[in-house]
C-alpha atoms as a PDB file:
ATOM      1  CA  UNK A   1     -12.460   6.217 -14.176  1.00  0.00           C
ATOM      2  CA  UNK A   2     -12.538   9.848 -15.356  1.00  0.00           C
ATOM      3  CA  UNK A   3      -9.661  11.373 -17.382  1.00  0.00           C
ATOM      4  CA  UNK A   4      -7.208  13.200 -15.162  1.00  0.00           C
ATOM      5  CA  UNK A   5      -5.523  16.387 -16.338  1.00  0.00           C
ATOM      6  CA  UNK A   6      -1.825  16.890 -15.673  1.00  0.00           C
ATOM      7  CA  UNK A   7      -1.219  17.161 -11.901  1.00  0.00           C
ATOM      8  CA  UNK A   8       1.820  17.411  -9.618  1.00  0.00           C
ATOM      9  CA  UNK A   9       1.690  16.131  -6.058  1.00  0.00           C
ATOM     10  CA  UNK A  10       3.607  17.772  -3.317  1.00  0.00           C
ATOM     11  CA  UNK A  11       3.502  15.074  -0.719  1.00  0.00           C
ATOM     12  CA  UNK A  12       4.871  17.461   2.012  1.00  0.00           C
ATOM     13  CA  UNK A  13       1.526  19.179   1.938  1.00  0.00           C
ATOM     14  CA  UNK A  14      -0.669  16.080   2.077  1.00  0.00           C
ATOM     15  CA  UNK A  15      -2.182  15.285   5.493  1.00  0.00           C
ATOM     16  CA  UNK A  16      -0.877  12.238   7.340  1.00  0.00           C
ATOM     17  CA  UNK A  17      -3.366   9.907   8.857  1.00  0.00           C
ATOM     18  CA  UNK A  18      -2.286   7.147  11.314  1.00  0.00           C
ATOM     19  CA  UNK A  19      -4.016   3.720  11.396  1.00  0.00           C
ATOM     20  CA  UNK A  20      -3.157   1.109  13.963  1.00  0.00           C
ATOM     21  CA  UNK A  21      -2.050  -2.400  12.796  1.00  0.00           C
ATOM     22  CA  UNK A  22      -2.323  -5.378  15.167  1.00  0.00           C
ATOM     23  CA  UNK A  23       1.190  -4.179  16.127  1.00  0.00           C
ATOM     24  CA  UNK A  24       2.805  -0.949  14.916  1.00  0.00           C
ATOM     25  CA  UNK A  25       1.212   1.800  12.899  1.00  0.00           C
ATOM     26  CA  UNK A  26       0.582   2.704   9.230  1.00  0.00           C
ATOM     27  CA  UNK A  27       0.631   6.375   8.285  1.00  0.00           C
ATOM     28  CA  UNK A  28      -1.288   7.176   5.107  1.00  0.00           C
ATOM     29  CA  UNK A  29      -0.991  10.297   2.786  1.00  0.00           C
ATOM     30  CA  UNK A  30      -3.770   9.975   0.203  1.00  0.00           C
ATOM     31  CA  UNK A  31      -4.762  11.620  -2.987  1.00  0.00           C
ATOM     32  CA  UNK A  32      -8.204  10.518  -4.477  1.00  0.00           C
ATOM     33  CA  UNK A  33      -9.412  10.908  -7.946  1.00  0.00           C
ATOM     34  CA  UNK A  34     -12.540   9.463  -9.491  1.00  0.00           C
ATOM     35  CA  UNK A  35     -11.791   5.684  -9.443  1.00  0.00           C
ATOM     36  CA  UNK A  36      -8.171   6.021  -8.510  1.00  0.00           C
ATOM     37  CA  UNK A  37      -6.397   6.369  -5.207  1.00  0.00           C
ATOM     38  CA  UNK A  38      -2.754   7.179  -4.828  1.00  0.00           C
ATOM     39  CA  UNK A  39      -1.039   6.793  -1.405  1.00  0.00           C
ATOM     40  CA  UNK A  40       2.292   7.206   0.208  1.00  0.00           C
ATOM     41  CA  UNK A  41       2.163   4.744   3.152  1.00  0.00           C
ATOM     42  CA  UNK A  42       4.755   4.201   5.921  1.00  0.00           C
ATOM     43  CA  UNK A  43       4.679   1.261   8.190  1.00  0.00           C
ATOM     44  CA  UNK A  44       6.488   1.531  11.475  1.00  0.00           C
ATOM     45  CA  UNK A  45       9.025  -1.077  12.712  1.00  0.00           C
ATOM     46  CA  UNK A  46       7.058  -3.993  14.080  1.00  0.00           C
ATOM     47  CA  UNK A  47       3.948  -3.339  11.898  1.00  0.00           C
ATOM     48  CA  UNK A  48       1.436  -6.116  11.144  1.00  0.00           C
ATOM     49  CA  UNK A  49      -1.734  -5.358   9.351  1.00  0.00           C
ATOM     50  CA  UNK A  50      -4.911  -5.706  11.201  1.00  0.00           C
ATOM     51  CA  UNK A  51      -6.760  -7.466   8.316  1.00  0.00           C
ATOM     52  CA  UNK A  52      -6.402  -9.759   5.264  1.00  0.00           C
ATOM     53  CA  UNK A  53      -6.968  -7.448   2.196  1.00  0.00           C
ATOM     54  CA  UNK A  54      -8.872  -8.487  -0.984  1.00  0.00           C
ATOM     55  CA  UNK A  55      -8.380  -5.166  -2.757  1.00  0.00           C
ATOM     56  CA  UNK A  56      -6.087  -4.915  -5.799  1.00  0.00           C
ATOM     57  CA  UNK A  57      -3.011  -2.725  -5.594  1.00  0.00           C
ATOM     58  CA  UNK A  58       0.173  -1.735  -7.215  1.00  0.00           C
ATOM     59  CA  UNK A  59       2.677  -1.503  -4.416  1.00  0.00           C
ATOM     60  CA  UNK A  60       6.137   0.008  -4.987  1.00  0.00           C
ATOM     61  CA  UNK A  61       8.728  -0.053  -2.200  1.00  0.00           C
ATOM     62  CA  UNK A  62      10.372   3.431  -1.929  1.00  0.00           C
ATOM     63  CA  UNK A  63      12.490   2.718   1.252  1.00  0.00           C
ATOM     64  CA  UNK A  64      13.090  -0.159   3.478  1.00  0.00           C
ATOM     65  CA  UNK A  65      11.541  -3.585   3.222  1.00  0.00           C
ATOM     66  CA  UNK A  66       8.507  -5.542   4.080  1.00  0.00           C
ATOM     67  CA  UNK A  67       6.883  -8.860   3.686  1.00  0.00           C
ATOM     68  CA  UNK A  68       3.606  -9.567   1.915  1.00  0.00           C
ATOM     69  CA  UNK A  69       1.828 -12.653   3.337  1.00  0.00           C
ATOM     70  CA  UNK A  70      -0.822 -14.479   1.563  1.00  0.00           C
ATOM     71  CA  UNK A  71      -3.557 -16.229   3.480  1.00  0.00           C
ATOM     72  CA  UNK A  72      -2.345 -19.468   1.859  1.00  0.00           C
ATOM     73  CA  UNK A  73       0.877 -19.087   3.687  1.00  0.00           C
ATOM     74  CA  UNK A  74       3.146 -17.899   0.918  1.00  0.00           C
ATOM     75  CA  UNK A  75       5.411 -14.886   1.842  1.00  0.00           C
ATOM     76  CA  UNK A  76       7.169 -12.499  -0.478  1.00  0.00           C
ATOM     77  CA  UNK A  77       9.829  -9.951   0.746  1.00  0.00           C
ATOM     78  CA  UNK A  78       9.961  -6.688  -1.201  1.00  0.00           C
ATOM     79  CA  UNK A  79      12.869  -4.376  -0.828  1.00  0.00           C
ATOM     80  CA  UNK A  80      13.538  -0.764  -2.212  1.00  0.00           C
ATOM     81  CA  UNK A  81      12.810  -0.628  -5.831  1.00  0.00           C
ATOM     82  CA  UNK A  82      10.565  -3.724  -5.955  1.00  0.00           C
ATOM     83  CA  UNK A  83       6.876  -3.665  -6.860  1.00  0.00           C
ATOM     84  CA  UNK A  84       3.953  -6.055  -6.688  1.00  0.00           C
ATOM     85  CA  UNK A  85       0.620  -5.982  -8.549  1.00  0.00           C
ATOM     86  CA  UNK A  86      -2.543  -7.789  -7.778  1.00  0.00           C
ATOM     87  CA  UNK A  87      -6.094  -7.348  -8.923  1.00  0.00           C
ATOM     88  CA  UNK A  88      -9.173  -7.192  -6.713  1.00  0.00           C
ATOM     89  CA  UNK A  89     -10.352 -10.381  -5.243  1.00  0.00           C
ATOM     90  CA  UNK A  90      -7.263 -12.356  -6.598  1.00  0.00           C
ATOM     91  CA  UNK A  91      -5.723 -13.042  -3.243  1.00  0.00           C
ATOM     92  CA  UNK A  92      -6.064 -12.306   0.567  1.00  0.00           C
ATOM     93  CA  UNK A  93      -2.938 -10.448   1.538  1.00  0.00           C
ATOM     94  CA  UNK A  94      -1.449  -8.455   4.351  1.00  0.00           C
ATOM     95  CA  UNK A  95       1.776  -6.528   5.149  1.00  0.00           C
ATOM     96  CA  UNK A  96       4.391  -7.247   7.727  1.00  0.00           C
ATOM     97  CA  UNK A  97       7.289  -4.747   8.364  1.00  0.00           C
ATOM     98  CA  UNK A  98       9.963  -5.719  10.914  1.00  0.00           C
ATOM     99  CA  UNK A  99      12.156  -2.560  10.420  1.00  0.00           C
ATOM    100  CA  UNK A 100       9.734  -0.055   8.818  1.00  0.00           C
ATOM    101  CA  UNK A 101       9.033   0.785   5.205  1.00  0.00           C
ATOM    102  CA  UNK A 102       7.878   3.461   2.809  1.00  0.00           C
ATOM    103  CA  UNK A 103       5.628   2.608   0.062  1.00  0.00           C
ATOM    104  CA  UNK A 104       3.758   4.167  -3.043  1.00  0.00           C
ATOM    105  CA  UNK A 105       0.472   2.416  -3.529  1.00  0.00           C
ATOM    106  CA  UNK A 106      -1.895   2.909  -6.490  1.00  0.00           C
ATOM    107  CA  UNK A 107      -5.324   1.248  -6.564  1.00  0.00           C
ATOM    108  CA  UNK A 108      -8.517   1.828  -8.205  1.00  0.00           C
ATOM    109  CA  UNK A 109     -11.300   0.685 -10.613  1.00  0.00           C
ATOM    110  CA  UNK A 110      -8.729  -0.571 -13.267  1.00  0.00           C
ATOM    111  CA  UNK A 111      -7.891  -3.421 -10.944  1.00  0.00           C
ATOM    112  CA  UNK A 112     -11.423  -4.738 -10.587  1.00  0.00           C
ATOM    113  CA  UNK A 113     -12.009  -8.280 -11.788  1.00  0.00           C
END
């Protein structure tokens, strides 16, 4: 990962890209640096991710709530102000949002195992 000079991000000017889930949609706003990705992601009410993810993330709940399901069957509910952290290849996980949620998600090379 390269060194990053001081930056500010005005999320109101970042393009919103929609991704369908099995149900519902995810809307991503993404900033990409060398080896680092920062996103604001909104899941609609009724969202269920369309895949089990192996990528590492730092996920911080900005608004609402959601459940992270592990492929092992474990479920963890996160609400506004809560964060989870996982490294690459450390779990298969996916997101479910009954009521909609807004997240800040950071991932990159520093989470590789």
